Amino acid sequence: METFEIEIQEFLSKVIEIQADNSADAILKAREMYRKEEIVLDWKDHLKTEIKEYTNE
């Protein structure tokens, strides 16, 4: 019997509304909020799961 490395990836996604002067500022605000854990994604934000053989490429 062989041993295989299997990769499991979970993808989460959430859409939020942020007030800003432009989209670049809104993205910066969202990144900062995410970094400070003011935006947290959880099981409700699950989009899909992929399971495949792992390749180190």
N, C-alpha and C. Protein backbone atom coordinates (compact mmCIF):
# COMPACT_ATOMS: atom_id res chain seq x y z
N MET A 1 0.85 -1.18 0.00
CA MET A 1 0.00 0.00 0.00
C MET A 1 0.90 1.24 0.00
N GLU A 2 0.54 2.25 -0.78
CA GLU A 2 1.31 3.49 -0.90
C GLU A 2 0.75 4.57 0.02
N THR A 3 1.57 5.60 0.23
CA THR A 3 1.14 6.77 0.99
C THR A 3 1.04 7.96 0.04
N PHE A 4 -0.04 8.69 0.15
CA PHE A 4 -0.26 9.85 -0.72
C PHE A 4 -0.48 11.09 0.13
N GLU A 5 -0.03 12.23 -0.38
CA GLU A 5 -0.33 13.51 0.27
C GLU A 5 -1.56 14.08 -0.41
N ILE A 6 -2.57 14.36 0.39
CA ILE A 6 -3.84 14.88 -0.12
C ILE A 6 -4.04 16.28 0.45
N GLU A 7 -4.38 17.21 -0.42
CA GLU A 7 -4.59 18.60 -0.02
C GLU A 7 -6.09 18.88 0.08
N ILE A 8 -6.47 19.51 1.18
CA ILE A 8 -7.86 19.91 1.38
C ILE A 8 -7.88 21.43 1.50
N GLN A 9 -8.63 22.08 0.62
CA GLN A 9 -8.75 23.54 0.64
C GLN A 9 -10.21 23.90 0.87
N GLU A 10 -10.42 24.84 1.79
CA GLU A 10 -11.75 25.38 2.01
C GLU A 10 -11.74 26.84 1.58
N PHE A 11 -12.77 27.24 0.90
CA PHE A 11 -12.88 28.61 0.42
C PHE A 11 -14.05 29.29 1.13
N LEU A 12 -13.76 30.44 1.72
CA LEU A 12 -14.77 31.23 2.42
C LEU A 12 -14.92 32.56 1.69
N SER A 13 -16.11 33.11 1.72
CA SER A 13 -16.36 34.38 1.04
C SER A 13 -17.45 35.15 1.77
N LYS A 14 -17.26 36.45 1.90
CA LYS A 14 -18.26 37.32 2.53
C LYS A 14 -18.25 38.66 1.81
N VAL A 15 -19.41 39.21 1.56
CA VAL A 15 -19.53 40.54 0.96
C VAL A 15 -19.97 41.50 2.06
N ILE A 16 -19.21 42.59 2.21
CA ILE A 16 -19.54 43.59 3.22
C ILE A 16 -19.63 44.95 2.55
N GLU A 17 -20.33 45.87 3.18
CA GLU A 17 -20.43 47.24 2.67
C GLU A 17 -19.54 48.14 3.52
N ILE A 18 -18.72 48.96 2.84
CA ILE A 18 -17.82 49.88 3.51
C ILE A 18 -17.95 51.24 2.84
N GLN A 19 -18.11 52.27 3.64
CA GLN A 19 -18.16 53.63 3.11
C GLN A 19 -16.73 54.17 3.00
N ALA A 20 -16.41 54.70 1.82
CA ALA A 20 -15.08 55.26 1.58
C ALA A 20 -15.17 56.20 0.39
N ASP A 21 -14.10 56.97 0.17
CA ASP A 21 -14.05 57.91 -0.94
C ASP A 21 -13.92 57.19 -2.29
N ASN A 22 -13.28 56.02 -2.29
CA ASN A 22 -13.10 55.26 -3.53
C ASN A 22 -12.89 53.79 -3.18
N SER A 23 -12.88 52.95 -4.20
CA SER A 23 -12.78 51.50 -3.95
C SER A 23 -11.43 51.11 -3.35
N ALA A 24 -10.36 51.81 -3.73
CA ALA A 24 -9.04 51.50 -3.15
C ALA A 24 -9.04 51.74 -1.65
N ASP A 25 -9.64 52.86 -1.22
CA ASP A 25 -9.74 53.14 0.22
C ASP A 25 -10.63 52.12 0.92
N ALA A 26 -11.69 51.70 0.26
CA ALA A 26 -12.58 50.70 0.84
C ALA A 26 -11.84 49.37 1.04
N ILE A 27 -11.02 48.99 0.08
CA ILE A 27 -10.23 47.76 0.21
C ILE A 27 -9.25 47.89 1.36
N LEU A 28 -8.59 49.03 1.48
CA LEU A 28 -7.65 49.25 2.59
C LEU A 28 -8.37 49.15 3.94
N LYS A 29 -9.56 49.75 4.02
CA LYS A 29 -10.33 49.67 5.26
C LYS A 29 -10.71 48.23 5.57
N ALA A 30 -11.14 47.49 4.56
CA ALA A 30 -11.52 46.09 4.76
C ALA A 30 -10.33 45.26 5.21
N ARG A 31 -9.17 45.48 4.62
CA ARG A 31 -7.96 44.75 5.03
C ARG A 31 -7.61 45.04 6.48
N GLU A 32 -7.71 46.29 6.86
CA GLU A 32 -7.40 46.67 8.24
C GLU A 32 -8.42 46.06 9.21
N MET A 33 -9.68 46.10 8.84
CA MET A 33 -10.72 45.50 9.69
C MET A 33 -10.50 43.99 9.81
N TYR A 34 -10.12 43.34 8.72
CA TYR A 34 -9.86 41.90 8.75
C TYR A 34 -8.65 41.60 9.64
N ARG A 35 -7.60 42.41 9.49
CA ARG A 35 -6.38 42.22 10.29
C ARG A 35 -6.67 42.36 11.78
N LYS A 36 -7.56 43.29 12.13
CA LYS A 36 -7.93 43.52 13.53
C LYS A 36 -9.02 42.55 14.01
N GLU A 37 -9.38 41.61 13.15
CA GLU A 37 -10.42 40.61 13.44
C GLU A 37 -11.79 41.24 13.69
N GLU A 38 -12.03 42.39 13.06
CA GLU A 38 -13.35 43.00 13.10
C GLU A 38 -14.26 42.35 12.06
N ILE A 39 -13.64 41.73 11.07
CA ILE A 39 -14.35 40.92 10.07
C ILE A 39 -13.82 39.51 10.23
N VAL A 40 -14.71 38.58 10.53
CA VAL A 40 -14.32 37.18 10.72
C VAL A 40 -15.22 36.31 9.86
N LEU A 41 -14.60 35.46 9.06
CA LEU A 41 -15.36 34.52 8.25
C LEU A 41 -15.47 33.20 9.00
N ASP A 42 -16.64 32.58 8.93
CA ASP A 42 -16.85 31.32 9.62
C ASP A 42 -17.61 30.35 8.72
N TRP A 43 -18.14 29.28 9.31
CA TRP A 43 -18.80 28.22 8.54
C TRP A 43 -19.96 28.74 7.69
N LYS A 44 -20.58 29.85 8.09
CA LYS A 44 -21.70 30.40 7.30
C LYS A 44 -21.22 31.00 5.98
N ASP A 45 -19.92 31.30 5.90
CA ASP A 45 -19.35 31.92 4.71
C ASP A 45 -18.68 30.89 3.79
N HIS A 46 -18.87 29.60 4.08
CA HIS A 46 -18.26 28.53 3.30
C HIS A 46 -18.79 28.56 1.87
N LEU A 47 -17.88 28.57 0.93
CA LEU A 47 -18.24 28.61 -0.49
C LEU A 47 -18.08 27.24 -1.14
N LYS A 48 -16.90 26.63 -0.94
CA LYS A 48 -16.68 25.30 -1.50
C LYS A 48 -15.45 24.66 -0.85
N THR A 49 -15.32 23.36 -1.05
CA THR A 49 -14.18 22.60 -0.57
C THR A 49 -13.62 21.80 -1.74
N GLU A 50 -12.29 21.80 -1.87
CA GLU A 50 -11.64 21.00 -2.89
C GLU A 50 -10.71 20.01 -2.21
N ILE A 51 -10.74 18.77 -2.66
CA ILE A 51 -9.86 17.74 -2.13
C ILE A 51 -9.16 17.11 -3.32
N LYS A 52 -7.81 17.15 -3.31
CA LYS A 52 -7.05 16.63 -4.45
C LYS A 52 -5.68 16.17 -3.98
N GLU A 53 -5.00 15.45 -4.85
CA GLU A 53 -3.65 15.01 -4.53
C GLU A 53 -2.75 16.24 -4.47
N TYR A 54 -1.89 16.29 -3.45
CA TYR A 54 -1.01 17.44 -3.25
C TYR A 54 0.19 17.33 -4.18
N THR A 55 0.49 18.43 -4.87
CA THR A 55 1.71 18.53 -5.67
C THR A 55 2.44 19.78 -5.23
N ASN A 56 3.71 19.66 -5.01
CA ASN A 56 4.52 20.77 -4.51
C ASN A 56 5.03 21.61 -5.67
N GLU A 57 4.12 22.23 -6.39
CA GLU A 57 4.49 23.06 -7.55
C GLU A 57 4.08 24.48 -7.35
